[in-house]
């Protein structure tokens, strides 16, 4: 579990967000479940979801190819 908060003067972006990530064994791989709670009202749900999808796609690309370097992007 991780608690994050934007450093901002914008009241629509204030507040603590809790992110809980659970990893479990699954059919020759790993299942990742991420729960994001407390999203500030100034962050559109769709933008947050897109950010998660892009991040997880990069993580999958790195782990599936066995690449050990930094992600480009």
N, C-alpha and C. Protein backbone atom coordinates (compact mmCIF):
# COMPACT_ATOMS: atom_id res chain seq x y z
N UNK A 1 0.85 -1.17 0.00
CA UNK A 1 0.00 0.00 0.00
C UNK A 1 0.90 1.23 0.00
N UNK A 2 0.45 2.24 -0.73
CA UNK A 2 1.18 3.49 -0.85
C UNK A 2 0.19 4.63 -0.72
N UNK A 3 0.60 5.69 -0.04
CA UNK A 3 -0.24 6.89 0.08
C UNK A 3 0.51 8.02 -0.59
N UNK A 4 -0.13 8.66 -1.57
CA UNK A 4 0.46 9.76 -2.32
C UNK A 4 -0.40 11.00 -2.18
N UNK A 5 0.25 12.15 -2.37
CA UNK A 5 -0.47 13.41 -2.35
C UNK A 5 0.26 14.38 -3.27
N UNK A 6 -0.49 15.06 -4.16
CA UNK A 6 0.12 16.06 -5.03
C UNK A 6 0.57 17.26 -4.21
N UNK A 7 1.74 17.84 -4.57
CA UNK A 7 2.18 19.09 -3.98
C UNK A 7 1.63 20.20 -4.87
N UNK A 8 0.55 20.82 -4.44
CA UNK A 8 -0.14 21.80 -5.27
C UNK A 8 -0.94 22.78 -4.42
N UNK A 9 -1.15 23.95 -4.99
CA UNK A 9 -2.03 24.92 -4.34
C UNK A 9 -3.46 24.78 -4.85
N UNK A 10 -3.66 23.95 -5.86
CA UNK A 10 -4.98 23.75 -6.46
C UNK A 10 -5.84 22.87 -5.54
N UNK A 11 -6.92 23.43 -5.00
CA UNK A 11 -7.75 22.64 -4.07
C UNK A 11 -8.39 21.41 -4.72
N UNK A 12 -8.57 21.42 -6.05
CA UNK A 12 -9.16 20.27 -6.73
C UNK A 12 -8.19 19.11 -6.88
N UNK A 13 -6.91 19.34 -6.58
CA UNK A 13 -5.91 18.27 -6.67
C UNK A 13 -5.38 17.85 -5.30
N UNK A 14 -5.94 18.42 -4.25
CA UNK A 14 -5.47 18.10 -2.90
C UNK A 14 -6.12 16.83 -2.36
N UNK A 15 -5.44 16.24 -1.41
CA UNK A 15 -5.97 15.08 -0.71
C UNK A 15 -5.09 13.86 -0.91
N UNK A 16 -5.15 12.98 0.05
CA UNK A 16 -4.37 11.75 -0.01
C UNK A 16 -5.05 10.72 -0.89
N UNK A 17 -4.24 10.05 -1.70
CA UNK A 17 -4.70 8.95 -2.54
C UNK A 17 -4.01 7.69 -2.01
N UNK A 18 -4.76 6.63 -1.89
CA UNK A 18 -4.21 5.36 -1.44
C UNK A 18 -4.20 4.40 -2.62
N UNK A 19 -3.03 3.81 -2.86
CA UNK A 19 -2.89 2.84 -3.94
C UNK A 19 -2.45 1.52 -3.31
N UNK A 20 -3.25 0.49 -3.53
CA UNK A 20 -2.94 -0.83 -3.00
C UNK A 20 -2.72 -1.77 -4.18
N UNK A 21 -1.54 -2.38 -4.23
CA UNK A 21 -1.20 -3.30 -5.31
C UNK A 21 -1.03 -4.69 -4.72
N UNK A 22 -1.71 -5.65 -5.33
CA UNK A 22 -1.64 -7.04 -4.90
C UNK A 22 -1.11 -7.88 -6.06
N UNK A 23 -0.10 -8.68 -5.79
CA UNK A 23 0.48 -9.59 -6.78
C UNK A 23 0.21 -11.03 -6.35
N UNK A 24 -0.28 -11.84 -7.28
CA UNK A 24 -0.52 -13.25 -6.98
C UNK A 24 -0.06 -14.10 -8.16
N UNK A 25 0.34 -15.35 -7.87
CA UNK A 25 0.70 -16.29 -8.93
C UNK A 25 -0.53 -16.61 -9.76
N UNK A 26 -0.32 -16.69 -11.09
CA UNK A 26 -1.45 -16.99 -11.97
C UNK A 26 -0.94 -17.62 -13.25
N UNK A 27 -1.36 -18.83 -13.54
CA UNK A 27 -1.10 -19.51 -14.82
C UNK A 27 0.22 -19.15 -15.48
N UNK A 28 1.32 -19.45 -14.84
CA UNK A 28 2.64 -19.22 -15.43
C UNK A 28 3.09 -17.77 -15.40
N UNK A 29 2.40 -16.94 -14.68
CA UNK A 29 2.76 -15.52 -14.61
C UNK A 29 2.33 -14.94 -13.29
N UNK A 30 2.10 -13.67 -13.30
CA UNK A 30 1.69 -12.97 -12.09
C UNK A 30 0.49 -12.08 -12.41
N UNK A 31 -0.52 -12.17 -11.57
CA UNK A 31 -1.67 -11.28 -11.69
C UNK A 31 -1.41 -10.06 -10.81
N UNK A 32 -1.67 -8.88 -11.37
CA UNK A 32 -1.50 -7.64 -10.65
C UNK A 32 -2.86 -6.96 -10.53
N UNK A 33 -3.25 -6.66 -9.30
CA UNK A 33 -4.49 -5.92 -9.06
C UNK A 33 -4.10 -4.63 -8.35
N UNK A 34 -4.48 -3.49 -8.96
CA UNK A 34 -4.19 -2.19 -8.37
C UNK A 34 -5.51 -1.49 -8.05
N UNK A 35 -5.65 -1.05 -6.81
CA UNK A 35 -6.84 -0.33 -6.39
C UNK A 35 -6.39 1.08 -5.99
N UNK A 36 -6.97 2.08 -6.64
CA UNK A 36 -6.62 3.48 -6.41
C UNK A 36 -7.83 4.15 -5.76
N UNK A 37 -7.66 4.58 -4.51
CA UNK A 37 -8.77 5.19 -3.77
C UNK A 37 -8.43 6.64 -3.42
N UNK A 38 -9.44 7.49 -3.37
CA UNK A 38 -9.25 8.87 -2.95
C UNK A 38 -8.74 9.77 -4.06
N UNK A 39 -9.08 9.47 -5.30
CA UNK A 39 -8.65 10.30 -6.41
C UNK A 39 -9.24 11.71 -6.24
N UNK A 40 -8.39 12.75 -6.29
CA UNK A 40 -8.91 14.12 -6.13
C UNK A 40 -9.92 14.47 -7.23
N UNK A 41 -10.86 15.35 -6.94
CA UNK A 41 -11.89 15.69 -7.93
C UNK A 41 -11.33 16.34 -9.20
N UNK A 42 -10.14 16.94 -9.12
CA UNK A 42 -9.55 17.59 -10.28
C UNK A 42 -8.86 16.65 -11.24
N UNK A 43 -8.81 15.35 -10.91
CA UNK A 43 -8.19 14.36 -11.79
C UNK A 43 -9.30 13.52 -12.42
N UNK A 44 -9.51 13.66 -13.72
CA UNK A 44 -10.57 12.87 -14.36
C UNK A 44 -10.27 11.37 -14.23
N UNK A 45 -11.29 10.62 -13.91
CA UNK A 45 -11.14 9.17 -13.77
C UNK A 45 -10.54 8.55 -15.02
N UNK A 46 -10.97 9.04 -16.20
CA UNK A 46 -10.48 8.50 -17.46
C UNK A 46 -8.98 8.75 -17.63
N UNK A 47 -8.50 9.92 -17.22
CA UNK A 47 -7.08 10.23 -17.31
C UNK A 47 -6.27 9.36 -16.37
N UNK A 48 -6.79 9.14 -15.17
CA UNK A 48 -6.11 8.27 -14.20
C UNK A 48 -6.03 6.84 -14.74
N UNK A 49 -7.13 6.36 -15.30
CA UNK A 49 -7.16 5.00 -15.85
C UNK A 49 -6.18 4.87 -17.02
N UNK A 50 -6.14 5.89 -17.89
CA UNK A 50 -5.22 5.85 -19.02
C UNK A 50 -3.78 5.81 -18.53
N UNK A 51 -3.46 6.60 -17.53
CA UNK A 51 -2.10 6.59 -16.96
C UNK A 51 -1.72 5.22 -16.41
N UNK A 52 -2.66 4.58 -15.71
CA UNK A 52 -2.41 3.24 -15.18
C UNK A 52 -2.21 2.23 -16.31
N UNK A 53 -3.06 2.30 -17.34
CA UNK A 53 -2.95 1.37 -18.47
C UNK A 53 -1.59 1.51 -19.16
N UNK A 54 -1.16 2.75 -19.38
CA UNK A 54 0.13 2.99 -20.04
C UNK A 54 1.29 2.48 -19.18
N UNK A 55 1.23 2.75 -17.89
CA UNK A 55 2.29 2.30 -16.98
C UNK A 55 2.36 0.77 -16.92
N UNK A 56 1.20 0.13 -16.82
CA UNK A 56 1.18 -1.33 -16.74
C UNK A 56 1.59 -1.98 -18.06
N UNK A 57 1.26 -1.34 -19.18
CA UNK A 57 1.70 -1.87 -20.48
C UNK A 57 3.22 -1.81 -20.58
N UNK A 58 3.81 -0.74 -20.11
CA UNK A 58 5.29 -0.63 -20.11
C UNK A 58 5.91 -1.67 -19.19
N UNK A 59 5.32 -1.86 -18.03
CA UNK A 59 5.82 -2.87 -17.10
C UNK A 59 5.73 -4.26 -17.73
N UNK A 60 4.61 -4.56 -18.37
CA UNK A 60 4.44 -5.86 -19.03
C UNK A 60 5.48 -6.04 -20.13
N UNK A 61 5.72 -5.01 -20.92
CA UNK A 61 6.70 -5.10 -22.00
C UNK A 61 8.09 -5.38 -21.44
N UNK A 62 8.43 -4.76 -20.35
CA UNK A 62 9.74 -4.99 -19.74
C UNK A 62 9.87 -6.40 -19.18
N UNK A 63 8.83 -6.85 -18.49
CA UNK A 63 8.93 -8.16 -17.86
C UNK A 63 8.80 -9.30 -18.87
N UNK A 64 8.03 -9.10 -19.92
CA UNK A 64 7.84 -10.16 -20.92
C UNK A 64 9.07 -10.35 -21.79
N UNK A 65 9.83 -9.29 -22.01
CA UNK A 65 11.04 -9.41 -22.84
C UNK A 65 12.27 -9.70 -21.99
N UNK A 66 12.14 -9.58 -20.68
CA UNK A 66 13.27 -9.80 -19.80
C UNK A 66 14.25 -8.64 -19.83
N UNK A 67 13.83 -7.50 -20.37
CA UNK A 67 14.70 -6.32 -20.47
C UNK A 67 15.00 -5.80 -19.07
N UNK A 68 16.27 -5.48 -18.83
CA UNK A 68 16.67 -5.02 -17.50
C UNK A 68 16.97 -3.53 -17.46
N UNK A 69 16.91 -2.82 -18.58
CA UNK A 69 17.21 -1.40 -18.63
C UNK A 69 16.00 -0.55 -18.33
N UNK A 70 16.18 0.75 -18.45
CA UNK A 70 15.09 1.69 -18.21
C UNK A 70 14.11 1.69 -19.37
N UNK A 71 12.87 1.94 -19.08
CA UNK A 71 11.84 2.00 -20.12
C UNK A 71 11.99 3.30 -20.89
N UNK A 72 11.76 3.22 -22.17
CA UNK A 72 11.77 4.44 -22.97
C UNK A 72 10.34 4.82 -23.26
N UNK A 73 10.15 6.10 -23.52
CA UNK A 73 8.79 6.33 -23.81
C UNK A 73 8.30 7.65 -23.94
